[in-house]
Amino acid sequence: MYEVELKTRLYKGQKEVIQETITALFECNWESGIYHDTYFDTANRDFTISERELRLRKILIGGRETILITYKEPPFDESSKSKNEHDRKH
């Protein structure tokens, strides 16, 4: 899996149009959830310096809880900061 974050500024009404378009294209539903992320590093900040990440994520959606441990490699594309990402579900 790859992590790619592209950001844009949305104006009033655009969020709803985007959600409607994605829902129609992929036949999906939108659910609100709570994400709690905790990031870890070494005492000498090896992960930060090398742009790697180790994250524990707790997701609560509709009363269901999921725990993910994620390791992100250093970026393979400097302009977008895209990273290879490895998840393990618990």
Protein backbone atom coordinates (compact mmCIF):
# COMPACT_ATOMS: atom_id res chain seq x y z
CA MET A 1 0.00 0.00 0.00
CA TYR A 2 1.16 3.56 -0.67
CA GLU A 3 0.38 6.66 1.30
CA VAL A 4 -0.22 9.62 -0.98
CA GLU A 5 -1.55 12.86 0.44
CA LEU A 6 -2.74 15.47 -1.98
CA LYS A 7 -4.30 18.53 -0.43
CA THR A 8 -6.67 21.12 -1.82
CA ARG A 9 -8.80 23.96 -0.55
CA LEU A 10 -12.54 23.29 -0.83
CA TYR A 11 -15.11 26.02 -1.11
CA LYS A 12 -18.67 25.99 0.21
CA GLY A 13 -20.64 23.12 -1.30
CA GLN A 14 -17.69 21.33 -2.91
CA LYS A 15 -17.37 18.70 -0.16
CA GLU A 16 -20.93 17.51 -0.74
CA VAL A 17 -20.46 17.36 -4.53
CA ILE A 18 -17.27 15.33 -4.11
CA GLN A 19 -18.92 12.92 -1.65
CA GLU A 20 -21.91 12.45 -3.97
CA THR A 21 -19.61 11.77 -6.94
CA ILE A 22 -17.49 9.24 -5.04
CA THR A 23 -20.62 7.55 -3.66
CA ALA A 24 -22.04 7.17 -7.18
CA LEU A 25 -18.79 5.95 -8.73
CA PHE A 26 -17.84 3.45 -6.03
CA GLU A 27 -21.25 2.58 -4.54
CA CYS A 28 -20.11 3.38 -1.01
CA ASN A 29 -21.51 5.02 2.10
CA TRP A 30 -19.94 7.71 4.28
CA GLU A 31 -19.53 7.04 7.97
CA SER A 32 -18.19 9.38 10.60
CA GLY A 33 -15.51 7.97 12.82
CA ILE A 34 -13.06 8.89 15.53
CA TYR A 35 -9.37 8.36 14.83
CA HIS A 36 -6.78 8.46 17.58
CA ASP A 37 -3.18 8.33 16.36
CA THR A 38 -0.05 7.86 18.45
CA TYR A 39 3.34 8.19 16.76
CA PHE A 40 6.55 6.67 18.12
CA ASP A 41 10.19 7.56 17.61
CA THR A 42 13.55 6.63 19.08
CA ALA A 43 15.25 8.75 21.75
CA ASN A 44 17.59 10.23 19.12
CA ARG A 45 14.71 10.87 16.64
CA ASP A 46 15.86 8.34 14.02
CA PHE A 47 12.37 8.01 12.54
CA THR A 48 11.85 11.76 12.20
CA ILE A 49 15.30 12.35 10.73
CA SER A 50 14.85 9.61 8.11
CA GLU A 51 11.19 10.61 7.45
CA ARG A 52 9.90 7.20 8.54
CA GLU A 53 6.87 6.77 10.80
CA LEU A 54 5.63 4.21 13.29
CA ARG A 55 2.00 4.79 14.20
CA LEU A 56 -0.61 3.12 16.40
CA ARG A 57 -4.11 4.07 15.18
CA LYS A 58 -7.36 3.39 17.01
CA ILE A 59 -10.48 3.78 14.84
CA LEU A 60 -14.00 3.88 16.25
CA ILE A 61 -16.82 3.75 13.67
CA GLY A 62 -20.39 2.80 14.48
CA GLY A 63 -19.44 1.17 17.77
CA ARG A 64 -16.74 -0.97 16.13
CA GLU A 65 -13.14 -0.50 17.20
CA THR A 66 -10.14 -1.31 15.01
CA ILE A 67 -6.48 -1.06 15.96
CA LEU A 68 -3.82 -0.64 13.24
CA ILE A 69 -0.05 -0.60 13.59
CA THR A 70 1.52 1.14 10.62
CA TYR A 71 5.11 1.49 9.48
CA LYS A 72 5.81 4.09 6.79
CA GLU A 73 9.03 3.96 4.81
CA PRO A 74 10.91 7.13 3.81
CA PRO A 75 9.27 9.03 0.91
CA PHE A 76 9.90 7.62 -2.56
CA ASP A 77 8.67 10.81 -4.23
CA GLU A 78 10.07 14.06 -2.87
CA SER A 79 7.40 16.40 -4.27
CA SER A 80 4.36 14.56 -2.85
CA LYS A 81 6.17 12.87 0.07
CA SER A 82 4.48 9.59 -0.98
CA LYS A 83 5.54 6.62 1.15
CA ASN A 84 5.25 2.84 1.12
CA GLU A 85 3.00 1.95 4.02
CA HIS A 86 2.70 -1.39 5.85
CA ASP A 87 -0.31 -2.03 8.13
CA ARG A 88 -1.07 -4.77 10.59
CA LYS A 89 -4.59 -5.01 12.01
CA HIS A 90 -5.12 -6.02 15.64
